[in-house]
C-alpha cells in the first residue's frame, strides 16, 4: 500500500501545465490530491495541494492552508489557490468532514497544517524539504476557524488571513500577522464582525483590515474577477512568510476598490494618502 500511495502521489504531482482558458498557455501552478485516508492529521473529507511548477528549482517556499465556509467545498476556492501557487507558494486546500460548523473547519485547518508538515518530510513528496513558514486562510466560518486555529497554534503559524469571517473570536494566543478582509455589501458576515475581530487582536499582533467595495458574502467563492484583493493577499503572504519587503508599498497603500482600511503592523507604516485611508 505504501508503494501504491507513493506512485499515486508522484503521478498526481505531474499534473502540471494545465492549459489556461482561451490563450493556450500553460499554467504556472501544479497540484496533486491527497486522499482523506493518507496521513490523516484530523478528520478531513479531501485535500488538494497546489504548488509552483518550478518548485524543484527553489530552495524554500512558504505554505498556507485554504478552506471554504459553511456547506462549501474547496473547489470554489481554487481560483485563489492557483494565484497563490503561481506567485511561488504552496497551498493546501481542504474540505471539512463537518462543513456546517466552525469547529468542523477548525479540525480541517489543523489537518491541513499537519498534512503540509508531513508532506515536507515524505520522501516521495514534491514538497520534500521545501516548506518554510506556514500560514492559514479561510472564508466565512472557515475564516473564523482560521483565526481560532491561529489562536491555538500560536507561533507555529506566521500568517492568518480571514475572508469575510463569520463571528470570529481571536484570543491572546494569536501572534500570527492577521489580515481580515470583508465586503461592504456583505449581509451575512457583516463588516462589523471583521472590524470587531481586528480590534480584539492583541496589541503585539501585526494586523490589517479592509472592506472590498460593493462585495457581498459570495464575492470570495469562484471569483474570476477579484479586482485588487488577490494582489493584496499575495503581498501579505510574501511579506510575512518570505520577509519580502518589496511588497511594502502595496500593503501600505489600499487600492481604489478597498475602503475603511486599517493597518497596525510594524514595521509597516500606513499611508494617509490612499483611497479609503489607513487608521
C-alpha atoms as a PDB file:
ATOM      1  CA  UNK A   1       0.000   0.000   0.000  1.00  0.00           C
ATOM      2  CA  UNK A   2       2.840   2.365   0.819  1.00  0.00           C
ATOM      3  CA  UNK A   3       4.320   1.822  -2.650  1.00  0.00           C
ATOM      4  CA  UNK A   4       0.938   2.413  -4.281  1.00  0.00           C
ATOM      5  CA  UNK A   5       0.415   5.654  -2.379  1.00  0.00           C
ATOM      6  CA  UNK A   6       3.895   6.865  -3.332  1.00  0.00           C
ATOM      7  CA  UNK A   7       3.314   6.076  -7.001  1.00  0.00           C
ATOM      8  CA  UNK A   8      -0.085   7.787  -6.955  1.00  0.00           C
ATOM      9  CA  UNK A   9       1.350  10.887  -5.338  1.00  0.00           C
ATOM     10  CA  UNK A  10       4.136  11.093  -7.904  1.00  0.00           C
ATOM     11  CA  UNK A  11       1.669  10.663 -10.761  1.00  0.00           C
ATOM     12  CA  UNK A  12      -0.627  13.343  -9.403  1.00  0.00           C
ATOM     13  CA  UNK A  13       2.309  15.642  -8.801  1.00  0.00           C
ATOM     14  CA  UNK A  14       2.936  15.618 -12.527  1.00  0.00           C
ATOM     15  CA  UNK A  15      -0.470  17.179 -13.251  1.00  0.00           C
ATOM     16  CA  UNK A  16       1.176  20.403 -14.360  1.00  0.00           C
ATOM     17  CA  UNK A  17       0.900  22.598 -17.403  1.00  0.00           C
ATOM     18  CA  UNK A  18      -2.887  22.781 -17.478  1.00  0.00           C
ATOM     19  CA  UNK A  19      -3.909  24.974 -20.404  1.00  0.00           C
ATOM     20  CA  UNK A  20      -5.135  28.401 -19.416  1.00  0.00           C
ATOM     21  CA  UNK A  21      -8.590  29.133 -20.773  1.00  0.00           C
ATOM     22  CA  UNK A  22      -8.549  30.795 -24.154  1.00  0.00           C
ATOM     23  CA  UNK A  23      -4.868  31.536 -24.583  1.00  0.00           C
ATOM     24  CA  UNK A  24      -3.286  28.108 -24.977  1.00  0.00           C
ATOM     25  CA  UNK A  25      -0.524  28.919 -22.484  1.00  0.00           C
ATOM     26  CA  UNK A  26       0.478  26.673 -19.613  1.00  0.00           C
ATOM     27  CA  UNK A  27      -0.418  27.492 -16.033  1.00  0.00           C
ATOM     28  CA  UNK A  28       2.349  28.261 -13.534  1.00  0.00           C
ATOM     29  CA  UNK A  29       0.828  26.050 -10.831  1.00  0.00           C
ATOM     30  CA  UNK A  30       0.800  22.290 -10.364  1.00  0.00           C
ATOM     31  CA  UNK A  31      -1.264  20.201  -7.959  1.00  0.00           C
ATOM     32  CA  UNK A  32      -1.910  16.768  -6.526  1.00  0.00           C
ATOM     33  CA  UNK A  33      -4.743  15.306  -4.473  1.00  0.00           C
ATOM     34  CA  UNK A  34      -4.279  13.610  -1.119  1.00  0.00           C
ATOM     35  CA  UNK A  35      -6.872  11.017  -0.140  1.00  0.00           C
ATOM     36  CA  UNK A  36      -8.501  11.504   3.255  1.00  0.00           C
ATOM     37  CA  UNK A  37      -7.110   8.158   4.400  1.00  0.00           C
ATOM     38  CA  UNK A  38      -3.496   9.137   3.733  1.00  0.00           C
ATOM     39  CA  UNK A  39      -1.663  10.879   6.576  1.00  0.00           C
ATOM     40  CA  UNK A  40      -4.890  11.621   8.499  1.00  0.00           C
ATOM     41  CA  UNK A  41      -3.977  14.543  10.739  1.00  0.00           C
ATOM     42  CA  UNK A  42      -7.520  15.031  11.996  1.00  0.00           C
ATOM     43  CA  UNK A  43     -10.654  14.273  10.021  1.00  0.00           C
ATOM     44  CA  UNK A  44     -10.941  15.797   6.582  1.00  0.00           C
ATOM     45  CA  UNK A  45     -13.023  14.940   3.564  1.00  0.00           C
ATOM     46  CA  UNK A  46     -10.358  15.678   0.944  1.00  0.00           C
ATOM     47  CA  UNK A  47      -7.371  17.865   0.176  1.00  0.00           C
ATOM     48  CA  UNK A  48      -5.639  19.214  -2.918  1.00  0.00           C
ATOM     49  CA  UNK A  49      -2.179  20.748  -2.733  1.00  0.00           C
ATOM     50  CA  UNK A  50      -1.171  23.423  -5.244  1.00  0.00           C
ATOM     51  CA  UNK A  51       2.477  24.326  -5.736  1.00  0.00           C
ATOM     52  CA  UNK A  52       4.603  26.325  -8.196  1.00  0.00           C
ATOM     53  CA  UNK A  53       5.689  24.210 -11.157  1.00  0.00           C
ATOM     54  CA  UNK A  54       9.293  25.373 -10.750  1.00  0.00           C
ATOM     55  CA  UNK A  55       9.349  24.235  -7.121  1.00  0.00           C
ATOM     56  CA  UNK A  56      12.306  21.927  -7.709  1.00  0.00           C
ATOM     57  CA  UNK A  57      14.499  24.924  -8.513  1.00  0.00           C
ATOM     58  CA  UNK A  58      13.527  26.745  -5.315  1.00  0.00           C
ATOM     59  CA  UNK A  59      15.341  26.327  -2.027  1.00  0.00           C
ATOM     60  CA  UNK A  60      12.418  27.132   0.269  1.00  0.00           C
ATOM     61  CA  UNK A  61       8.832  28.345  -0.131  1.00  0.00           C
ATOM     62  CA  UNK A  62       6.064  29.204   2.338  1.00  0.00           C
ATOM     63  CA  UNK A  63       2.849  27.211   2.595  1.00  0.00           C
ATOM     64  CA  UNK A  64      -0.698  28.055   3.616  1.00  0.00           C
ATOM     65  CA  UNK A  65      -3.980  26.282   4.175  1.00  0.00           C
ATOM     66  CA  UNK A  66      -7.178  27.400   2.404  1.00  0.00           C
ATOM     67  CA  UNK A  67     -10.762  26.446   3.252  1.00  0.00           C
ATOM     68  CA  UNK A  68     -14.276  27.391   2.189  1.00  0.00           C
ATOM     69  CA  UNK A  69     -17.189  28.172   4.511  1.00  0.00           C
ATOM     70  CA  UNK A  70     -20.465  26.627   5.661  1.00  0.00           C
ATOM     71  CA  UNK A  71     -21.574  23.841   3.326  1.00  0.00           C
ATOM     72  CA  UNK A  72     -18.934  24.860   0.785  1.00  0.00           C
ATOM     73  CA  UNK A  73     -16.179  22.903  -0.877  1.00  0.00           C
ATOM     74  CA  UNK A  74     -12.530  23.544  -1.637  1.00  0.00           C
ATOM     75  CA  UNK A  75     -13.158  23.577  -5.388  1.00  0.00           C
ATOM     76  CA  UNK A  76     -14.776  27.011  -5.132  1.00  0.00           C
ATOM     77  CA  UNK A  77     -11.528  28.358  -3.658  1.00  0.00           C
ATOM     78  CA  UNK A  78      -9.236  27.037  -6.387  1.00  0.00           C
ATOM     79  CA  UNK A  79      -9.189  30.465  -8.070  1.00  0.00           C
ATOM     80  CA  UNK A  80      -7.235  31.842  -5.121  1.00  0.00           C
ATOM     81  CA  UNK A  81      -5.104  28.738  -4.580  1.00  0.00           C
ATOM     82  CA  UNK A  82      -3.921  28.830  -8.187  1.00  0.00           C
ATOM     83  CA  UNK A  83      -2.982  32.514  -7.980  1.00  0.00           C
ATOM     84  CA  UNK A  84      -1.019  31.976  -4.761  1.00  0.00           C
ATOM     85  CA  UNK A  85       0.799  28.981  -6.255  1.00  0.00           C
ATOM     86  CA  UNK A  86       1.607  30.968  -9.389  1.00  0.00           C
ATOM     87  CA  UNK A  87       3.151  33.575  -7.072  1.00  0.00           C
ATOM     88  CA  UNK A  88       5.590  30.930  -5.825  1.00  0.00           C
ATOM     89  CA  UNK A  89       3.903  29.498  -2.732  1.00  0.00           C
ATOM     90  CA  UNK A  90       2.243  26.226  -1.693  1.00  0.00           C
ATOM     91  CA  UNK A  91      -1.461  25.976  -0.826  1.00  0.00           C
ATOM     92  CA  UNK A  92      -3.278  23.068   0.812  1.00  0.00           C
ATOM     93  CA  UNK A  93      -6.977  23.417   0.008  1.00  0.00           C
ATOM     94  CA  UNK A  94      -9.084  21.280   2.313  1.00  0.00           C
ATOM     95  CA  UNK A  95     -12.681  20.107   2.633  1.00  0.00           C
ATOM     96  CA  UNK A  96     -14.013  19.745   6.157  1.00  0.00           C
ATOM     97  CA  UNK A  97     -15.638  16.466   7.138  1.00  0.00           C
ATOM     98  CA  UNK A  98     -18.118  18.637   9.044  1.00  0.00           C
ATOM     99  CA  UNK A  99     -18.647  21.707   6.866  1.00  0.00           C
ATOM    100  CA  UNK A 100     -21.609  23.007   8.846  1.00  0.00           C
ATOM    101  CA  UNK A 101     -19.744  24.310  11.880  1.00  0.00           C
ATOM    102  CA  UNK A 102     -16.740  26.426  12.793  1.00  0.00           C
ATOM    103  CA  UNK A 103     -15.455  23.528  14.907  1.00  0.00           C
ATOM    104  CA  UNK A 104     -15.526  21.291  11.833  1.00  0.00           C
ATOM    105  CA  UNK A 105     -13.402  23.765   9.907  1.00  0.00           C
ATOM    106  CA  UNK A 106     -11.005  24.140  12.823  1.00  0.00           C
ATOM    107  CA  UNK A 107     -10.367  20.400  12.575  1.00  0.00           C
ATOM    108  CA  UNK A 108      -9.879  20.723   8.816  1.00  0.00           C
ATOM    109  CA  UNK A 109      -7.473  23.657   9.185  1.00  0.00           C
ATOM    110  CA  UNK A 110      -5.343  21.759  11.696  1.00  0.00           C
ATOM    111  CA  UNK A 111      -5.456  18.686   9.465  1.00  0.00           C
ATOM    112  CA  UNK A 112      -4.187  20.772   6.544  1.00  0.00           C
ATOM    113  CA  UNK A 113      -1.283  22.148   8.603  1.00  0.00           C
ATOM    114  CA  UNK A 114      -0.400  18.623   9.715  1.00  0.00           C
ATOM    115  CA  UNK A 115      -0.620  17.373   6.142  1.00  0.00           C
ATOM    116  CA  UNK A 116       1.733  20.083   4.880  1.00  0.00           C
ATOM    117  CA  UNK A 117       4.249  19.263   7.594  1.00  0.00           C
ATOM    118  CA  UNK A 118       4.121  15.565   6.733  1.00  0.00           C
ATOM    119  CA  UNK A 119       4.489  16.269   3.018  1.00  0.00           C
ATOM    120  CA  UNK A 120       7.571  18.322   3.859  1.00  0.00           C
ATOM    121  CA  UNK A 121       9.099  15.158   5.361  1.00  0.00           C
ATOM    122  CA  UNK A 122       7.758  12.487   2.997  1.00  0.00           C
ATOM    123  CA  UNK A 123      10.454  11.222   0.629  1.00  0.00           C
ATOM    124  CA  UNK A 124       8.168  10.864  -2.420  1.00  0.00           C
ATOM    125  CA  UNK A 125       6.500  14.236  -1.989  1.00  0.00           C
ATOM    126  CA  UNK A 126       7.312  17.083  -4.408  1.00  0.00           C
ATOM    127  CA  UNK A 127       7.294  19.290  -1.293  1.00  0.00           C
ATOM    128  CA  UNK A 128      10.008  17.280   0.491  1.00  0.00           C
ATOM    129  CA  UNK A 129      12.290  19.675   2.366  1.00  0.00           C
ATOM    130  CA  UNK A 130      10.888  22.724   0.566  1.00  0.00           C
ATOM    131  CA  UNK A 131       8.494  24.285   3.063  1.00  0.00           C
ATOM    132  CA  UNK A 132       9.413  27.207   5.282  1.00  0.00           C
ATOM    133  CA  UNK A 133       6.870  29.323   7.178  1.00  0.00           C
ATOM    134  CA  UNK A 134       3.210  28.302   7.493  1.00  0.00           C
ATOM    135  CA  UNK A 135       0.005  30.304   7.230  1.00  0.00           C
ATOM    136  CA  UNK A 136      -3.767  29.837   7.393  1.00  0.00           C
ATOM    137  CA  UNK A 137      -6.522  31.139   5.094  1.00  0.00           C
ATOM    138  CA  UNK A 138     -10.249  30.585   5.466  1.00  0.00           C
ATOM    139  CA  UNK A 139     -13.541  32.015   4.220  1.00  0.00           C
ATOM    140  CA  UNK A 140     -16.731  32.711   6.220  1.00  0.00           C
ATOM    141  CA  UNK A 141     -16.905  30.221   9.120  1.00  0.00           C
ATOM    142  CA  UNK A 142     -13.711  28.825   7.641  1.00  0.00           C
ATOM    143  CA  UNK A 143     -12.229  32.290   8.204  1.00  0.00           C
ATOM    144  CA  UNK A 144     -13.395  32.298  11.800  1.00  0.00           C
ATOM    145  CA  UNK A 145     -11.864  28.817  12.103  1.00  0.00           C
ATOM    146  CA  UNK A 146      -8.549  30.071  10.696  1.00  0.00           C
ATOM    147  CA  UNK A 147      -8.495  32.749  13.399  1.00  0.00           C
ATOM    148  CA  UNK A 148      -9.393  30.164  16.053  1.00  0.00           C
ATOM    149  CA  UNK A 149      -6.670  27.761  14.931  1.00  0.00           C
ATOM    150  CA  UNK A 150      -4.099  30.557  14.672  1.00  0.00           C
ATOM    151  CA  UNK A 151      -5.002  31.444  18.263  1.00  0.00           C
ATOM    152  CA  UNK A 152      -4.402  27.814  19.270  1.00  0.00           C
ATOM    153  CA  UNK A 153      -1.228  27.166  17.278  1.00  0.00           C
ATOM    154  CA  UNK A 154       0.457  30.414  18.262  1.00  0.00           C
ATOM    155  CA  UNK A 155       3.937  30.745  16.777  1.00  0.00           C
ATOM    156  CA  UNK A 156       3.579  27.586  14.687  1.00  0.00           C
ATOM    157  CA  UNK A 157       1.944  29.789  12.044  1.00  0.00           C
ATOM    158  CA  UNK A 158       3.201  33.188  10.942  1.00  0.00           C
ATOM    159  CA  UNK A 159       0.253  34.436   8.872  1.00  0.00           C
ATOM    160  CA  UNK A 160      -3.526  34.252   9.176  1.00  0.00           C
ATOM    161  CA  UNK A 161      -5.953  35.566   6.544  1.00  0.00           C
ATOM    162  CA  UNK A 162      -9.696  35.613   7.190  1.00  0.00           C
ATOM    163  CA  UNK A 163     -12.001  36.330   4.248  1.00  0.00           C
ATOM    164  CA  UNK A 164     -15.452  37.554   5.321  1.00  0.00           C
ATOM    165  CA  UNK A 165     -15.047  35.734   8.654  1.00  0.00           C
ATOM    166  CA  UNK A 166     -18.334  34.889  10.365  1.00  0.00           C
ATOM    167  CA  UNK A 167     -18.302  35.851  14.052  1.00  0.00           C
ATOM    168  CA  UNK A 168     -14.559  35.310  14.610  1.00  0.00           C
ATOM    169  CA  UNK A 169     -13.155  35.329  18.142  1.00  0.00           C
ATOM    170  CA  UNK A 170      -9.365  35.741  18.316  1.00  0.00           C
ATOM    171  CA  UNK A 171      -7.602  35.113  21.623  1.00  0.00           C
ATOM    172  CA  UNK A 172      -4.384  36.427  23.117  1.00  0.00           C
ATOM    173  CA  UNK A 173      -2.625  33.342  21.742  1.00  0.00           C
ATOM    174  CA  UNK A 174      -2.893  34.662  18.179  1.00  0.00           C
ATOM    175  CA  UNK A 175       0.536  36.024  17.291  1.00  0.00           C
ATOM    176  CA  UNK A 176       0.458  35.460  13.503  1.00  0.00           C
ATOM    177  CA  UNK A 177       0.233  38.527  11.265  1.00  0.00           C
ATOM    178  CA  UNK A 178      -3.519  38.684  10.657  1.00  0.00           C
ATOM    179  CA  UNK A 179      -5.295  40.131   7.631  1.00  0.00           C
ATOM    180  CA  UNK A 180      -9.085  40.439   7.780  1.00  0.00           C
ATOM    181  CA  UNK A 181     -10.998  41.260   4.597  1.00  0.00           C
ATOM    182  CA  UNK A 182     -14.741  41.824   4.338  1.00  0.00           C
ATOM    183  CA  UNK A 183     -17.234  43.230   1.809  1.00  0.00           C
ATOM    184  CA  UNK A 184     -19.187  46.458   2.202  1.00  0.00           C
ATOM    185  CA  UNK A 185     -22.369  44.728   0.932  1.00  0.00           C
ATOM    186  CA  UNK A 186     -21.992  41.537   2.950  1.00  0.00           C
ATOM    187  CA  UNK A 187     -25.229  40.986   4.889  1.00  0.00           C
ATOM    188  CA  UNK A 188     -24.080  37.646   6.379  1.00  0.00           C
ATOM    189  CA  UNK A 189     -20.572  38.271   7.740  1.00  0.00           C
ATOM    190  CA  UNK A 190     -21.058  41.998   8.095  1.00  0.00           C
ATOM    191  CA  UNK A 191     -18.020  44.301   8.099  1.00  0.00           C
ATOM    192  CA  UNK A 192     -18.657  44.967  11.792  1.00  0.00           C
ATOM    193  CA  UNK A 193     -17.688  41.360  12.527  1.00  0.00           C
ATOM    194  CA  UNK A 194     -14.328  41.810  10.828  1.00  0.00           C
ATOM    195  CA  UNK A 195     -13.694  45.159  12.485  1.00  0.00           C
ATOM    196  CA  UNK A 196     -14.578  43.727  15.905  1.00  0.00           C
ATOM    197  CA  UNK A 197     -12.089  40.869  15.406  1.00  0.00           C
ATOM    198  CA  UNK A 198      -9.423  43.300  14.178  1.00  0.00           C
ATOM    199  CA  UNK A 199      -9.840  45.446  17.276  1.00  0.00           C
ATOM    200  CA  UNK A 200      -9.795  42.380  19.550  1.00  0.00           C
ATOM    201  CA  UNK A 201      -6.372  41.254  18.349  1.00  0.00           C
ATOM    202  CA  UNK A 202      -3.587  41.654  20.881  1.00  0.00           C
ATOM    203  CA  UNK A 203      -1.573  44.887  20.514  1.00  0.00           C
ATOM    204  CA  UNK A 204       1.597  42.942  19.686  1.00  0.00           C
ATOM    205  CA  UNK A 205      -0.080  41.098  16.791  1.00  0.00           C
ATOM    206  CA  UNK A 206       0.564  42.613  13.322  1.00  0.00           C
ATOM    207  CA  UNK A 207      -2.829  43.212  11.732  1.00  0.00           C
ATOM    208  CA  UNK A 208      -4.674  44.785   8.827  1.00  0.00           C
ATOM    209  CA  UNK A 209      -8.305  45.207   7.819  1.00  0.00           C
ATOM    210  CA  UNK A 210     -10.091  46.391   4.694  1.00  0.00           C
ATOM    211  CA  UNK A 211     -13.531  46.110   3.106  1.00  0.00           C
ATOM    212  CA  UNK A 212     -13.932  45.432  -0.613  1.00  0.00           C
ATOM    213  CA  UNK A 213     -16.289  47.992  -2.154  1.00  0.00           C
ATOM    214  CA  UNK A 214     -19.682  46.537  -3.212  1.00  0.00           C
ATOM    215  CA  UNK A 215     -18.582  42.970  -2.365  1.00  0.00           C
ATOM    216  CA  UNK A 216     -21.201  40.585  -0.996  1.00  0.00           C
ATOM    217  CA  UNK A 217     -20.585  37.460   1.072  1.00  0.00           C
ATOM    218  CA  UNK A 218     -20.269  35.416  -2.117  1.00  0.00           C
ATOM    219  CA  UNK A 219     -17.563  37.608  -3.632  1.00  0.00           C
ATOM    220  CA  UNK A 220     -14.945  35.191  -2.293  1.00  0.00           C
ATOM    221  CA  UNK A 221     -16.063  31.948  -3.955  1.00  0.00           C
ATOM    222  CA  UNK A 222     -15.314  31.023  -7.550  1.00  0.00           C
ATOM    223  CA  UNK A 223     -14.194  34.587  -8.239  1.00  0.00           C
ATOM    224  CA  UNK A 224     -12.759  35.163 -11.724  1.00  0.00           C
ATOM    225  CA  UNK A 225     -12.710  38.951 -11.327  1.00  0.00           C
ATOM    226  CA  UNK A 226     -11.287  39.669  -7.848  1.00  0.00           C
ATOM    227  CA  UNK A 227     -10.010  43.181  -8.512  1.00  0.00           C
ATOM    228  CA  UNK A 228      -7.039  44.033  -6.333  1.00  0.00           C
ATOM    229  CA  UNK A 229      -7.788  41.663  -3.473  1.00  0.00           C
ATOM    230  CA  UNK A 230      -5.674  38.776  -4.774  1.00  0.00           C
ATOM    231  CA  UNK A 231      -2.674  41.087  -5.131  1.00  0.00           C
ATOM    232  CA  UNK A 232      -3.134  42.272  -1.551  1.00  0.00           C
ATOM    233  CA  UNK A 233      -3.459  38.712  -0.218  1.00  0.00           C
ATOM    234  CA  UNK A 234      -0.331  37.606  -2.078  1.00  0.00           C
ATOM    235  CA  UNK A 235       1.553  40.676  -0.851  1.00  0.00           C
ATOM    236  CA  UNK A 236       0.570  39.866   2.750  1.00  0.00           C
ATOM    237  CA  UNK A 237       1.830  36.300   2.369  1.00  0.00           C
ATOM    238  CA  UNK A 238       5.047  37.376   0.657  1.00  0.00           C
ATOM    239  CA  UNK A 239       5.813  39.998   3.294  1.00  0.00           C
ATOM    240  CA  UNK A 240       5.109  37.902   6.387  1.00  0.00           C
ATOM    241  CA  UNK A 241       6.028  34.393   5.194  1.00  0.00           C
ATOM    242  CA  UNK A 242       9.011  35.264   2.987  1.00  0.00           C
ATOM    243  CA  UNK A 243      10.158  38.528   4.583  1.00  0.00           C
ATOM    244  CA  UNK A 244       9.919  40.116   1.131  1.00  0.00           C
ATOM    245  CA  UNK A 245       9.865  43.847   1.809  1.00  0.00           C
ATOM    246  CA  UNK A 246       9.356  44.700  -1.867  1.00  0.00           C
ATOM    247  CA  UNK A 247       5.622  44.352  -1.139  1.00  0.00           C
ATOM    248  CA  UNK A 248       5.634  47.107   1.499  1.00  0.00           C
ATOM    249  CA  UNK A 249       4.239  49.808  -0.790  1.00  0.00           C
ATOM    250  CA  UNK A 250       1.305  47.671  -1.890  1.00  0.00           C
ATOM    251  CA  UNK A 251       0.403  46.778   1.699  1.00  0.00           C
ATOM    252  CA  UNK A 252       0.550  50.341   2.922  1.00  0.00           C
ATOM    253  CA  UNK A 253      -1.469  51.784   0.029  1.00  0.00           C
ATOM    254  CA  UNK A 254      -5.012  50.368  -0.135  1.00  0.00           C
ATOM    255  CA  UNK A 255      -6.413  50.118  -3.642  1.00  0.00           C
ATOM    256  CA  UNK A 256      -9.437  52.058  -5.025  1.00  0.00           C
ATOM    257  CA  UNK A 257     -11.719  49.026  -4.558  1.00  0.00           C
ATOM    258  CA  UNK A 258     -10.811  48.839  -0.839  1.00  0.00           C
ATOM    259  CA  UNK A 259     -12.271  51.063   1.845  1.00  0.00           C
ATOM    260  CA  UNK A 260     -12.065  51.588   5.622  1.00  0.00           C
ATOM    261  CA  UNK A 261      -8.503  50.255   5.521  1.00  0.00           C
ATOM    262  CA  UNK A 262      -6.701  49.871   8.830  1.00  0.00           C
ATOM    263  CA  UNK A 263      -3.132  48.802   9.443  1.00  0.00           C
ATOM    264  CA  UNK A 264      -1.204  48.230  12.651  1.00  0.00           C
ATOM    265  CA  UNK A 265       1.677  46.015  11.661  1.00  0.00           C
ATOM    266  CA  UNK A 266       5.130  47.377  12.491  1.00  0.00           C
ATOM    267  CA  UNK A 267       7.452  47.843  10.692  1.00  0.00           C
ATOM    268  CA  UNK A 268       4.841  48.597   8.024  1.00  0.00           C
ATOM    269  CA  UNK A 269       3.781  52.240   8.137  1.00  0.00           C
ATOM    270  CA  UNK A 270       0.262  53.142   6.984  1.00  0.00           C
ATOM    271  CA  UNK A 271      -0.170  55.769   4.285  1.00  0.00           C
ATOM    272  CA  UNK A 272      -2.703  58.538   4.787  1.00  0.00           C
ATOM    273  CA  UNK A 273      -2.896  59.349   1.088  1.00  0.00           C
ATOM    274  CA  UNK A 274      -4.551  56.176  -0.233  1.00  0.00           C
ATOM    275  CA  UNK A 275      -8.170  55.591  -1.155  1.00  0.00           C
ATOM    276  CA  UNK A 276     -10.107  54.734   1.974  1.00  0.00           C
ATOM    277  CA  UNK A 277      -7.236  55.862   4.191  1.00  0.00           C
ATOM    278  CA  UNK A 278      -5.485  53.861   6.920  1.00  0.00           C
ATOM    279  CA  UNK A 279      -6.045  54.036  10.629  1.00  0.00           C
END
